[in-house]
Amino acid sequence: MEEAKPEWQASGETAKAPEGAEQPTFRLRLPRRENLEMFGIVMQLQGSNQVKVLSEDGKERGCRIPGKMKKRTWLRERDIVIIKLWDFQPTKADVVWRFLGMQVENLKRRGYLKNLPV
């Protein structure tokens, strides 16, 4: 015996939300300024776990990719990332997040990347 399905799932097609249903809203990860985080753009891959990043304050910093991101997140030049400055040596930082294409477009539209040459 077949279960009763909602009318928007009645046909054999994939499930689609009804007309009046809200579209899901996705939250973007933003830098936590109190934790010394800021946006940056990857300028150069330097091998191993090192990259050169141009941060939104206009300084080029040597950044490292921490171990938990090393094999999971692959960086390329011109990627938008969030970096966390080292509190004892602010000329260096760690990469903590990488944004994908649609996320970058969303950040541009919202005006978060005004200080970066994107």
C-alpha atoms as a PDB file:
ATOM      1  CA  MET A   1       0.000   0.000   0.000  1.00  0.00           C
ATOM      2  CA  GLU A   2       1.376   3.380  -1.003  1.00  0.00           C
ATOM      3  CA  GLU A   3       1.814   6.207   1.504  1.00  0.00           C
ATOM      4  CA  ALA A   4      -0.050   9.442   0.968  1.00  0.00           C
ATOM      5  CA  LYS A   5       2.345  12.123  -0.245  1.00  0.00           C
ATOM      6  CA  PRO A   6       1.865  15.873  -0.052  1.00  0.00           C
ATOM      7  CA  GLU A   7       0.458  17.266  -3.293  1.00  0.00           C
ATOM      8  CA  TRP A   8       3.739  18.891  -4.287  1.00  0.00           C
ATOM      9  CA  GLN A   9       5.399  15.443  -4.110  1.00  0.00           C
ATOM     10  CA  ALA A  10       2.538  13.512  -5.699  1.00  0.00           C
ATOM     11  CA  SER A  11       4.215  12.981  -9.051  1.00  0.00           C
ATOM     12  CA  GLY A  12       7.342  10.881  -9.404  1.00  0.00           C
ATOM     13  CA  GLU A  13       9.558  13.972  -9.821  1.00  0.00           C
ATOM     14  CA  THR A  14      12.093  15.161  -7.331  1.00  0.00           C
ATOM     15  CA  ALA A  15      10.664  17.047  -4.391  1.00  0.00           C
ATOM     16  CA  LYS A  16      10.246  20.769  -4.934  1.00  0.00           C
ATOM     17  CA  ALA A  17       9.056  23.243  -2.356  1.00  0.00           C
ATOM     18  CA  PRO A  18       5.572  24.667  -2.847  1.00  0.00           C
ATOM     19  CA  GLU A  19       5.204  28.159  -4.340  1.00  0.00           C
ATOM     20  CA  GLY A  20       4.649  29.938  -1.016  1.00  0.00           C
ATOM     21  CA  ALA A  21       7.566  28.282   0.790  1.00  0.00           C
ATOM     22  CA  GLU A  22      10.571  30.395   1.734  1.00  0.00           C
ATOM     23  CA  GLN A  23      13.918  29.768   0.070  1.00  0.00           C
ATOM     24  CA  PRO A  24      16.609  28.712   2.528  1.00  0.00           C
ATOM     25  CA  THR A  25      19.017  31.453   3.541  1.00  0.00           C
ATOM     26  CA  PHE A  26      22.665  30.528   3.909  1.00  0.00           C
ATOM     27  CA  ARG A  27      24.982  32.255   6.308  1.00  0.00           C
ATOM     28  CA  LEU A  28      28.476  33.117   5.219  1.00  0.00           C
ATOM     29  CA  ARG A  29      31.445  32.815   7.514  1.00  0.00           C
ATOM     30  CA  LEU A  30      32.684  36.327   8.242  1.00  0.00           C
ATOM     31  CA  PRO A  31      35.932  37.349   9.949  1.00  0.00           C
ATOM     32  CA  ARG A  32      35.727  37.740  13.717  1.00  0.00           C
ATOM     33  CA  ARG A  33      37.528  41.057  14.173  1.00  0.00           C
ATOM     34  CA  GLU A  34      37.969  40.552  17.937  1.00  0.00           C
ATOM     35  CA  ASN A  35      40.004  37.403  17.132  1.00  0.00           C
ATOM     36  CA  LEU A  36      42.296  39.316  14.725  1.00  0.00           C
ATOM     37  CA  GLU A  37      40.662  37.802  11.614  1.00  0.00           C
ATOM     38  CA  MET A  38      40.337  39.586   8.259  1.00  0.00           C
ATOM     39  CA  PHE A  39      39.724  38.950   4.580  1.00  0.00           C
ATOM     40  CA  GLY A  40      42.632  38.313   2.257  1.00  0.00           C
ATOM     41  CA  ILE A  41      43.398  37.250  -1.286  1.00  0.00           C
ATOM     42  CA  VAL A  42      45.972  34.563  -2.093  1.00  0.00           C
ATOM     43  CA  MET A  43      48.747  36.125  -4.171  1.00  0.00           C
ATOM     44  CA  GLN A  44      51.321  33.346  -4.399  1.00  0.00           C
ATOM     45  CA  LEU A  45      51.642  29.693  -3.427  1.00  0.00           C
ATOM     46  CA  GLN A  46      55.073  29.162  -1.923  1.00  0.00           C
ATOM     47  CA  GLY A  47      55.126  25.410  -1.514  1.00  0.00           C
ATOM     48  CA  SER A  48      54.568  23.117   1.431  1.00  0.00           C
ATOM     49  CA  ASN A  49      51.995  24.830   3.628  1.00  0.00           C
ATOM     50  CA  GLN A  50      52.986  28.440   2.926  1.00  0.00           C
ATOM     51  CA  VAL A  51      51.141  31.108   0.904  1.00  0.00           C
ATOM     52  CA  LYS A  52      51.557  34.834   0.390  1.00  0.00           C
ATOM     53  CA  VAL A  53      48.295  36.708   1.089  1.00  0.00           C
ATOM     54  CA  LEU A  54      47.352  40.337   0.472  1.00  0.00           C
ATOM     55  CA  SER A  55      45.167  41.278   3.451  1.00  0.00           C
ATOM     56  CA  GLU A  56      42.429  43.895   3.423  1.00  0.00           C
ATOM     57  CA  ASP A  57      44.609  46.385   5.306  1.00  0.00           C
ATOM     58  CA  GLY A  58      46.955  46.474   2.274  1.00  0.00           C
ATOM     59  CA  LYS A  59      49.836  44.436   3.721  1.00  0.00           C
ATOM     60  CA  GLU A  60      51.275  41.294   2.180  1.00  0.00           C
ATOM     61  CA  ARG A  61      51.645  38.594   4.790  1.00  0.00           C
ATOM     62  CA  GLY A  62      53.240  35.186   4.841  1.00  0.00           C
ATOM     63  CA  CYS A  63      50.527  32.759   5.879  1.00  0.00           C
ATOM     64  CA  ARG A  64      50.544  29.111   6.720  1.00  0.00           C
ATOM     65  CA  ILE A  65      47.859  26.531   6.067  1.00  0.00           C
ATOM     66  CA  PRO A  66      47.185  24.737   9.354  1.00  0.00           C
ATOM     67  CA  GLY A  67      47.228  20.948   9.481  1.00  0.00           C
ATOM     68  CA  LYS A  68      43.457  20.503   9.680  1.00  0.00           C
ATOM     69  CA  MET A  69      43.048  22.359   6.352  1.00  0.00           C
ATOM     70  CA  LYS A  70      46.138  21.034   4.615  1.00  0.00           C
ATOM     71  CA  LYS A  71      44.750  18.003   2.752  1.00  0.00           C
ATOM     72  CA  ARG A  72      41.076  19.024   2.814  1.00  0.00           C
ATOM     73  CA  THR A  73      41.124  22.548   1.382  1.00  0.00           C
ATOM     74  CA  TRP A  74      43.207  23.281  -1.684  1.00  0.00           C
ATOM     75  CA  LEU A  75      44.119  26.903  -2.336  1.00  0.00           C
ATOM     76  CA  ARG A  76      44.790  28.577  -5.673  1.00  0.00           C
ATOM     77  CA  GLU A  77      45.990  32.047  -6.565  1.00  0.00           C
ATOM     78  CA  ARG A  78      43.252  34.720  -6.417  1.00  0.00           C
ATOM     79  CA  ASP A  79      41.189  32.746  -3.853  1.00  0.00           C
ATOM     80  CA  ILE A  80      39.437  34.817  -1.194  1.00  0.00           C
ATOM     81  CA  VAL A  81      40.280  33.593   2.302  1.00  0.00           C
ATOM     82  CA  ILE A  82      39.938  34.564   5.946  1.00  0.00           C
ATOM     83  CA  ILE A  83      43.246  34.860   7.770  1.00  0.00           C
ATOM     84  CA  LYS A  84      43.913  34.993  11.503  1.00  0.00           C
ATOM     85  CA  LEU A  85      46.860  37.167  12.484  1.00  0.00           C
ATOM     86  CA  TRP A  86      49.382  35.852  14.960  1.00  0.00           C
ATOM     87  CA  ASP A  87      49.086  37.977  18.096  1.00  0.00           C
ATOM     88  CA  PHE A  88      52.842  37.785  18.812  1.00  0.00           C
ATOM     89  CA  GLN A  89      53.977  38.435  15.201  1.00  0.00           C
ATOM     90  CA  PRO A  90      51.375  40.365  13.162  1.00  0.00           C
ATOM     91  CA  THR A  91      53.383  40.061   9.923  1.00  0.00           C
ATOM     92  CA  LYS A  92      52.342  36.395   9.751  1.00  0.00           C
ATOM     93  CA  ALA A  93      48.972  34.659   9.856  1.00  0.00           C
ATOM     94  CA  ASP A  94      47.081  31.393   9.483  1.00  0.00           C
ATOM     95  CA  VAL A  95      44.520  30.702   6.763  1.00  0.00           C
ATOM     96  CA  VAL A  96      41.298  29.657   8.498  1.00  0.00           C
ATOM     97  CA  TRP A  97      38.673  29.684   5.713  1.00  0.00           C
ATOM     98  CA  ARG A  98      38.434  29.634   1.903  1.00  0.00           C
ATOM     99  CA  PHE A  99      35.414  30.945  -0.005  1.00  0.00           C
ATOM    100  CA  LEU A 100      33.965  29.324  -3.124  1.00  0.00           C
ATOM    101  CA  GLY A 101      32.758  31.121  -6.276  1.00  0.00           C
ATOM    102  CA  MET A 102      29.159  31.885  -5.351  1.00  0.00           C
ATOM    103  CA  GLN A 103      30.185  32.866  -1.840  1.00  0.00           C
ATOM    104  CA  VAL A 104      32.684  35.379  -3.253  1.00  0.00           C
ATOM    105  CA  GLU A 105      29.985  36.882  -5.480  1.00  0.00           C
ATOM    106  CA  ASN A 106      27.700  37.174  -2.467  1.00  0.00           C
ATOM    107  CA  LEU A 107      30.445  38.894  -0.442  1.00  0.00           C
ATOM    108  CA  LYS A 108      31.084  41.349  -3.312  1.00  0.00           C
ATOM    109  CA  ARG A 109      27.389  42.136  -3.591  1.00  0.00           C
ATOM    110  CA  ARG A 110      27.174  42.799   0.147  1.00  0.00           C
ATOM    111  CA  GLY A 111      30.221  45.108   0.021  1.00  0.00           C
ATOM    112  CA  TYR A 112      32.595  43.154   2.266  1.00  0.00           C
ATOM    113  CA  LEU A 113      35.407  43.007  -0.325  1.00  0.00           C
ATOM    114  CA  LYS A 114      35.738  46.727  -1.067  1.00  0.00           C
ATOM    115  CA  ASN A 115      39.298  46.857   0.308  1.00  0.00           C
ATOM    116  CA  LEU A 116      40.551  43.970  -1.838  1.00  0.00           C
ATOM    117  CA  PRO A 117      41.542  44.129  -5.527  1.00  0.00           C
ATOM    118  CA  VAL A 118      38.988  41.544  -6.655  1.00  0.00           C
END
